[in-house]
Amino acid sequence: MKSSGHHVHQLGESSYVKHGTKHEVHREIEAMEFVRQHTSIPVPSVLEVVGVSERNPDNPNSWFSMSTTMT
């Protein structure tokens, strides 16, 4: 599955990994947290974040994993 330049891969029955640049990954996680805090819309839980550092902001190898167990 490909969406907006991000690659999404299913790991198991309820977990996924989404790849992007450091900036894309950081902004997506921020958006998910904003929705979680300010609405009643179910949002996937972020399990792990990799490659998001200040050293290389355009790192194309950044990713995060999430669970479809909504919080």
PDB file of N, CA and C in Angstrom:
ATOM      1  N   MET A   1       0.847  -1.165   0.000  1.00  0.00           N
ATOM      2  CA  MET A   1       0.000   0.000   0.000  1.00  0.00           C
ATOM      3  C   MET A   1       0.899   1.237   0.000  1.00  0.00           C
ATOM      4  N   LYS A   2       0.578   2.232  -0.791  1.00  0.00           N
ATOM      5  CA  LYS A   2       1.347   3.468  -0.820  1.00  0.00           C
ATOM      6  C   LYS A   2       0.380   4.640  -0.735  1.00  0.00           C
ATOM      7  N   SER A   3       0.746   5.614   0.102  1.00  0.00           N
ATOM      8  CA  SER A   3      -0.130   6.752   0.303  1.00  0.00           C
ATOM      9  C   SER A   3       0.702   7.996   0.565  1.00  0.00           C
ATOM     10  N   SER A   4       0.527   9.032  -0.220  1.00  0.00           N
ATOM     11  CA  SER A   4       1.206  10.321  -0.019  1.00  0.00           C
ATOM     12  C   SER A   4       2.716  10.189   0.127  1.00  0.00           C
ATOM     13  N   GLY A   5       3.332   9.307  -0.629  1.00  0.00           N
ATOM     14  CA  GLY A   5       4.772   9.157  -0.549  1.00  0.00           C
ATOM     15  C   GLY A   5       5.229   8.279   0.599  1.00  0.00           C
ATOM     16  N   HIS A   6       4.327   7.845   1.432  1.00  0.00           N
ATOM     17  CA  HIS A   6       4.655   6.973   2.560  1.00  0.00           C
ATOM     18  C   HIS A   6       4.426   5.528   2.139  1.00  0.00           C
ATOM     19  N   HIS A   7       5.231   4.651   2.660  1.00  0.00           N
ATOM     20  CA  HIS A   7       5.018   3.230   2.452  1.00  0.00           C
ATOM     21  C   HIS A   7       4.485   2.646   3.751  1.00  0.00           C
ATOM     22  N   VAL A   8       3.401   1.893   3.666  1.00  0.00           N
ATOM     23  CA  VAL A   8       2.789   1.269   4.832  1.00  0.00           C
ATOM     24  C   VAL A   8       2.847  -0.236   4.646  1.00  0.00           C
ATOM     25  N   HIS A   9       3.335  -0.929   5.678  1.00  0.00           N
ATOM     26  CA  HIS A   9       3.437  -2.384   5.629  1.00  0.00           C
ATOM     27  C   HIS A   9       2.761  -2.975   6.856  1.00  0.00           C
ATOM     28  N   GLN A  10       1.943  -3.986   6.637  1.00  0.00           N
ATOM     29  CA  GLN A  10       1.303  -4.666   7.754  1.00  0.00           C
ATOM     30  C   GLN A  10       2.281  -5.684   8.330  1.00  0.00           C
ATOM     31  N   LEU A  11       2.457  -5.658   9.658  1.00  0.00           N
ATOM     32  CA  LEU A  11       3.369  -6.583  10.329  1.00  0.00           C
ATOM     33  C   LEU A  11       2.653  -7.800  10.880  1.00  0.00           C
ATOM     34  N   GLY A  12       1.478  -7.597  11.338  1.00  0.00           N
ATOM     35  CA  GLY A  12       0.692  -8.670  11.940  1.00  0.00           C
ATOM     36  C   GLY A  12      -0.771  -8.321  11.813  1.00  0.00           C
ATOM     37  N   GLU A  13      -1.559  -8.989  12.606  1.00  0.00           N
ATOM     38  CA  GLU A  13      -2.995  -8.768  12.524  1.00  0.00           C
ATOM     39  C   GLU A  13      -3.398  -7.340  12.882  1.00  0.00           C
ATOM     40  N   SER A  14      -2.659  -6.718  13.813  1.00  0.00           N
ATOM     41  CA  SER A  14      -3.073  -5.388  14.259  1.00  0.00           C
ATOM     42  C   SER A  14      -1.933  -4.377  14.329  1.00  0.00           C
ATOM     43  N   SER A  15      -0.823  -4.638  13.631  1.00  0.00           N
ATOM     44  CA  SER A  15       0.273  -3.673  13.675  1.00  0.00           C
ATOM     45  C   SER A  15       0.810  -3.371  12.281  1.00  0.00           C
ATOM     46  N   TYR A  16       1.265  -2.130  12.125  1.00  0.00           N
ATOM     47  CA  TYR A  16       1.724  -1.626  10.832  1.00  0.00           C
ATOM     48  C   TYR A  16       3.000  -0.814  11.023  1.00  0.00           C
ATOM     49  N   VAL A  17       3.784  -0.704   9.951  1.00  0.00           N
ATOM     50  CA  VAL A  17       4.951   0.179   9.916  1.00  0.00           C
ATOM     51  C   VAL A  17       4.734   1.157   8.777  1.00  0.00           C
ATOM     52  N   LYS A  18       5.023   2.426   9.042  1.00  0.00           N
ATOM     53  CA  LYS A  18       4.885   3.460   8.025  1.00  0.00           C
ATOM     54  C   LYS A  18       6.230   4.157   7.861  1.00  0.00           C
ATOM     55  N   HIS A  19       6.739   4.206   6.632  1.00  0.00           N
ATOM     56  CA  HIS A  19       8.038   4.797   6.318  1.00  0.00           C
ATOM     57  C   HIS A  19       7.854   6.189   5.721  1.00  0.00           C
ATOM     58  N   GLY A  20       8.856   7.038   5.903  1.00  0.00           N
ATOM     59  CA  GLY A  20       8.873   8.366   5.310  1.00  0.00           C
ATOM     60  C   GLY A  20      10.138   9.081   5.720  1.00  0.00           C
ATOM     61  N   THR A  21      10.251  10.345   5.350  1.00  0.00           N
ATOM     62  CA  THR A  21      11.389  11.130   5.804  1.00  0.00           C
ATOM     63  C   THR A  21      11.195  11.451   7.283  1.00  0.00           C
ATOM     64  N   LYS A  22      12.245  11.937   7.922  1.00  0.00           N
ATOM     65  CA  LYS A  22      12.165  12.325   9.335  1.00  0.00           C
ATOM     66  C   LYS A  22      11.037  13.329   9.536  1.00  0.00           C
ATOM     67  N   HIS A  23      10.966  14.312   8.647  1.00  0.00           N
ATOM     68  CA  HIS A  23       9.948  15.349   8.745  1.00  0.00           C
ATOM     69  C   HIS A  23       8.543  14.758   8.601  1.00  0.00           C
ATOM     70  N   GLU A  24       8.342  13.893   7.617  1.00  0.00           N
ATOM     71  CA  GLU A  24       7.024  13.288   7.395  1.00  0.00           C
ATOM     72  C   GLU A  24       6.586  12.457   8.597  1.00  0.00           C
ATOM     73  N   VAL A  25       7.498  11.648   9.105  1.00  0.00           N
ATOM     74  CA  VAL A  25       7.176  10.790  10.248  1.00  0.00           C
ATOM     75  C   VAL A  25       6.854  11.642  11.474  1.00  0.00           C
ATOM     76  N   HIS A  26       7.675  12.636  11.749  1.00  0.00           N
ATOM     77  CA  HIS A  26       7.462  13.512  12.906  1.00  0.00           C
ATOM     78  C   HIS A  26       6.102  14.211  12.824  1.00  0.00           C
ATOM     79  N   ARG A  27       5.790  14.767  11.663  1.00  0.00           N
ATOM     80  CA  ARG A  27       4.525  15.494  11.491  1.00  0.00           C
ATOM     81  C   ARG A  27       3.319  14.558  11.594  1.00  0.00           C
ATOM     82  N   GLU A  28       3.438  13.355  11.066  1.00  0.00           N
ATOM     83  CA  GLU A  28       2.323  12.410  11.148  1.00  0.00           C
ATOM     84  C   GLU A  28       2.037  12.023  12.598  1.00  0.00           C
ATOM     85  N   ILE A  29       3.080  11.779  13.360  1.00  0.00           N
ATOM     86  CA  ILE A  29       2.892  11.433  14.768  1.00  0.00           C
ATOM     87  C   ILE A  29       2.293  12.612  15.527  1.00  0.00           C
ATOM     88  N   GLU A  30       2.750  13.820  15.242  1.00  0.00           N
ATOM     89  CA  GLU A  30       2.163  15.019  15.866  1.00  0.00           C
ATOM     90  C   GLU A  30       0.674  15.134  15.530  1.00  0.00           C
ATOM     91  N   ALA A  31       0.324  14.887  14.281  1.00  0.00           N
ATOM     92  CA  ALA A  31      -1.083  14.986  13.861  1.00  0.00           C
ATOM     93  C   ALA A  31      -1.936  13.936  14.578  1.00  0.00           C
ATOM     94  N   MET A  32      -1.407  12.722  14.684  1.00  0.00           N
ATOM     95  CA  MET A  32      -2.147  11.666  15.387  1.00  0.00           C
ATOM     96  C   MET A  32      -2.375  12.047  16.849  1.00  0.00           C
ATOM     97  N   GLU A  33      -1.361  12.607  17.491  1.00  0.00           N
ATOM     98  CA  GLU A  33      -1.491  13.021  18.890  1.00  0.00           C
ATOM     99  C   GLU A  33      -2.485  14.169  19.035  1.00  0.00           C
ATOM    100  N   PHE A  34      -2.481  15.107  18.101  1.00  0.00           N
ATOM    101  CA  PHE A  34      -3.437  16.215  18.141  1.00  0.00           C
ATOM    102  C   PHE A  34      -4.867  15.679  18.045  1.00  0.00           C
ATOM    103  N   VAL A  35      -5.107  14.783  17.108  1.00  0.00           N
ATOM    104  CA  VAL A  35      -6.450  14.208  16.943  1.00  0.00           C
ATOM    105  C   VAL A  35      -6.853  13.461  18.208  1.00  0.00           C
ATOM    106  N   ARG A  36      -5.915  12.699  18.790  1.00  0.00           N
ATOM    107  CA  ARG A  36      -6.205  11.946  20.019  1.00  0.00           C
ATOM    108  C   ARG A  36      -6.613  12.890  21.159  1.00  0.00           C
ATOM    109  N   GLN A  37      -5.908  14.006  21.300  1.00  0.00           N
ATOM    110  CA  GLN A  37      -6.157  14.921  22.417  1.00  0.00           C
ATOM    111  C   GLN A  37      -7.373  15.815  22.238  1.00  0.00           C
ATOM    112  N   HIS A  38      -7.746  16.124  20.989  1.00  0.00           N
ATOM    113  CA  HIS A  38      -8.776  17.136  20.761  1.00  0.00           C
ATOM    114  C   HIS A  38     -10.070  16.622  20.134  1.00  0.00           C
ATOM    115  N   THR A  39     -10.148  15.321  19.899  1.00  0.00           N
ATOM    116  CA  THR A  39     -11.378  14.767  19.328  1.00  0.00           C
ATOM    117  C   THR A  39     -11.685  13.423  19.984  1.00  0.00           C
ATOM    118  N   SER A  40     -12.797  12.855  19.591  1.00  0.00           N
ATOM    119  CA  SER A  40     -13.139  11.508  20.063  1.00  0.00           C
ATOM    120  C   SER A  40     -12.901  10.473  18.957  1.00  0.00           C
ATOM    121  N   ILE A  41     -12.193  10.861  17.909  1.00  0.00           N
ATOM    122  CA  ILE A  41     -11.880   9.947  16.802  1.00  0.00           C
ATOM    123  C   ILE A  41     -10.838   8.933  17.269  1.00  0.00           C
ATOM    124  N   PRO A  42     -11.073   7.640  17.065  1.00  0.00           N
ATOM    125  CA  PRO A  42     -10.076   6.634  17.446  1.00  0.00           C
ATOM    126  C   PRO A  42      -8.795   6.808  16.628  1.00  0.00           C
ATOM    127  N   VAL A  43      -7.639   6.706  17.283  1.00  0.00           N
ATOM    128  CA  VAL A  43      -6.336   6.906  16.658  1.00  0.00           C
ATOM    129  C   VAL A  43      -5.451   5.711  16.987  1.00  0.00           C
ATOM    130  N   PRO A  44      -4.699   5.181  15.998  1.00  0.00           N
ATOM    131  CA  PRO A  44      -3.780   4.079  16.294  1.00  0.00           C
ATOM    132  C   PRO A  44      -2.738   4.499  17.335  1.00  0.00           C
ATOM    133  N   SER A  45      -2.276   3.541  18.107  1.00  0.00           N
ATOM    134  CA  SER A  45      -1.234   3.792  19.101  1.00  0.00           C
ATOM    135  C   SER A  45       0.140   3.654  18.452  1.00  0.00           C
ATOM    136  N   VAL A  46       1.018   4.631  18.664  1.00  0.00           N
ATOM    137  CA  VAL A  46       2.389   4.555  18.160  1.00  0.00           C
ATOM    138  C   VAL A  46       3.176   3.641  19.094  1.00  0.00           C
ATOM    139  N   LEU A  47       3.843   2.646  18.512  1.00  0.00           N
ATOM    140  CA  LEU A  47       4.604   1.691  19.303  1.00  0.00           C
ATOM    141  C   LEU A  47       6.091   2.008  19.343  1.00  0.00           C
ATOM    142  N   GLU A  48       6.645   2.453  18.216  1.00  0.00           N
ATOM    143  CA  GLU A  48       8.080   2.696  18.117  1.00  0.00           C
ATOM    144  C   GLU A  48       8.348   3.708  17.013  1.00  0.00           C
ATOM    145  N   VAL A  49       9.375   4.545  17.195  1.00  0.00           N
ATOM    146  CA  VAL A  49       9.784   5.536  16.202  1.00  0.00           C
ATOM    147  C   VAL A  49      11.281   5.348  15.970  1.00  0.00           C
ATOM    148  N   VAL A  50      11.704   5.271  14.692  1.00  0.00           N
ATOM    149  CA  VAL A  50      13.110   5.039  14.356  1.00  0.00           C
ATOM    150  C   VAL A  50      13.555   6.023  13.278  1.00  0.00           C
ATOM    151  N   GLY A  51      14.762   6.561  13.428  1.00  0.00           N
ATOM    152  CA  GLY A  51      15.358   7.412  12.400  1.00  0.00           C
ATOM    153  C   GLY A  51      14.964   8.864  12.453  1.00  0.00           C
ATOM    154  N   VAL A  52      14.283   9.281  13.502  1.00  0.00           N
ATOM    155  CA  VAL A  52      13.865  10.673  13.620  1.00  0.00           C
ATOM    156  C   VAL A  52      14.880  11.377  14.510  1.00  0.00           C
ATOM    157  N   SER A  53      15.893  11.974  13.868  1.00  0.00           N
ATOM    158  CA  SER A  53      16.931  12.684  14.619  1.00  0.00           C
ATOM    159  C   SER A  53      17.205  14.023  13.948  1.00  0.00           C
ATOM    160  N   GLU A  54      17.836  14.897  14.658  1.00  0.00           N
ATOM    161  CA  GLU A  54      18.160  16.221  14.130  1.00  0.00           C
ATOM    162  C   GLU A  54      19.337  16.181  13.151  1.00  0.00           C
ATOM    163  N   ARG A  55      20.130  15.126  13.176  1.00  0.00           N
ATOM    164  CA  ARG A  55      21.323  15.057  12.329  1.00  0.00           C
ATOM    165  C   ARG A  55      20.988  15.028  10.844  1.00  0.00           C
ATOM    166  N   ASN A  56      19.926  14.353  10.470  1.00  0.00           N
ATOM    167  CA  ASN A  56      19.592  14.213   9.057  1.00  0.00           C
ATOM    168  C   ASN A  56      18.083  14.375   8.881  1.00  0.00           C
ATOM    169  N   PRO A  57      17.588  15.609   8.763  1.00  0.00           N
ATOM    170  CA  PRO A  57      16.143  15.842   8.720  1.00  0.00           C
ATOM    171  C   PRO A  57      15.438  15.249   7.509  1.00  0.00           C
ATOM    172  N   ASP A  58      16.159  14.968   6.442  1.00  0.00           N
ATOM    173  CA  ASP A  58      15.530  14.393   5.250  1.00  0.00           C
ATOM    174  C   ASP A  58      15.794  12.900   5.137  1.00  0.00           C
ATOM    175  N   ASN A  59      16.163  12.272   6.247  1.00  0.00           N
ATOM    176  CA  ASN A  59      16.445  10.838   6.247  1.00  0.00           C
ATOM    177  C   ASN A  59      15.248  10.072   5.686  1.00  0.00           C
ATOM    178  N   PRO A  60      15.404   9.425   4.524  1.00  0.00           N
ATOM    179  CA  PRO A  60      14.286   8.685   3.935  1.00  0.00           C
ATOM    180  C   PRO A  60      14.042   7.355   4.620  1.00  0.00           C
ATOM    181  N   ASN A  61      14.883   7.004   5.574  1.00  0.00           N
ATOM    182  CA  ASN A  61      14.763   5.717   6.249  1.00  0.00           C
ATOM    183  C   ASN A  61      14.099   5.817   7.614  1.00  0.00           C
ATOM    184  N   SER A  62      13.416   6.894   7.886  1.00  0.00           N
ATOM    185  CA  SER A  62      12.687   7.037   9.142  1.00  0.00           C
ATOM    186  C   SER A  62      11.395   6.224   9.058  1.00  0.00           C
ATOM    187  N   TRP A  63      10.940   5.731  10.211  1.00  0.00           N
ATOM    188  CA  TRP A  63       9.690   4.980  10.222  1.00  0.00           C
ATOM    189  C   TRP A  63       9.114   4.938  11.630  1.00  0.00           C
ATOM    190  N   PHE A  64       7.843   4.571  11.704  1.00  0.00           N
ATOM    191  CA  PHE A  64       7.239   4.315  12.999  1.00  0.00           C
ATOM    192  C   PHE A  64       6.281   3.145  12.866  1.00  0.00           C
ATOM    193  N   SER A  65       6.111   2.442  13.968  1.00  0.00           N
ATOM    194  CA  SER A  65       5.157   1.337  13.989  1.00  0.00           C
ATOM    195  C   SER A  65       3.968   1.762  14.823  1.00  0.00           C
ATOM    196  N   MET A  66       2.819   1.216  14.477  1.00  0.00           N
ATOM    197  CA  MET A  66       1.591   1.569  15.183  1.00  0.00           C
ATOM    198  C   MET A  66       0.696   0.350  15.274  1.00  0.00           C
ATOM    199  N   SER A  67      -0.166   0.394  16.249  1.00  0.00           N
ATOM    200  CA  SER A  67      -1.120  -0.691  16.477  1.00  0.00           C
ATOM    201  C   SER A  67      -2.511  -0.189  16.152  1.00  0.00           C
ATOM    202  N   THR A  68      -3.291  -1.031  15.514  1.00  0.00           N
ATOM    203  CA  THR A  68      -4.667  -0.632  15.193  1.00  0.00           C
ATOM    204  C   THR A  68      -5.579  -0.755  16.403  1.00  0.00           C
ATOM    205  N   THR A  69      -5.006  -1.127  17.547  1.00  0.00           N
ATOM    206  CA  THR A  69      -5.752  -1.057  18.791  1.00  0.00           C
ATOM    207  C   THR A  69      -5.881   0.406  19.116  1.00  0.00           C
ATOM    208  N   MET A  70      -7.048   0.960  18.904  1.00  0.00           N
ATOM    209  CA  MET A  70      -7.253   2.404  19.007  1.00  0.00           C
ATOM    210  C   MET A  70      -7.311   2.867  20.448  1.00  0.00           C
ATOM    211  N   THR A  71      -6.787   4.100  20.658  1.00  0.00           N
ATOM    212  CA  THR A  71      -6.872   4.704  21.985  1.00  0.00           C
ATOM    213  C   THR A  71      -7.587   6.034  21.895  1.00  0.00           C
TER     214      THR A  71
END
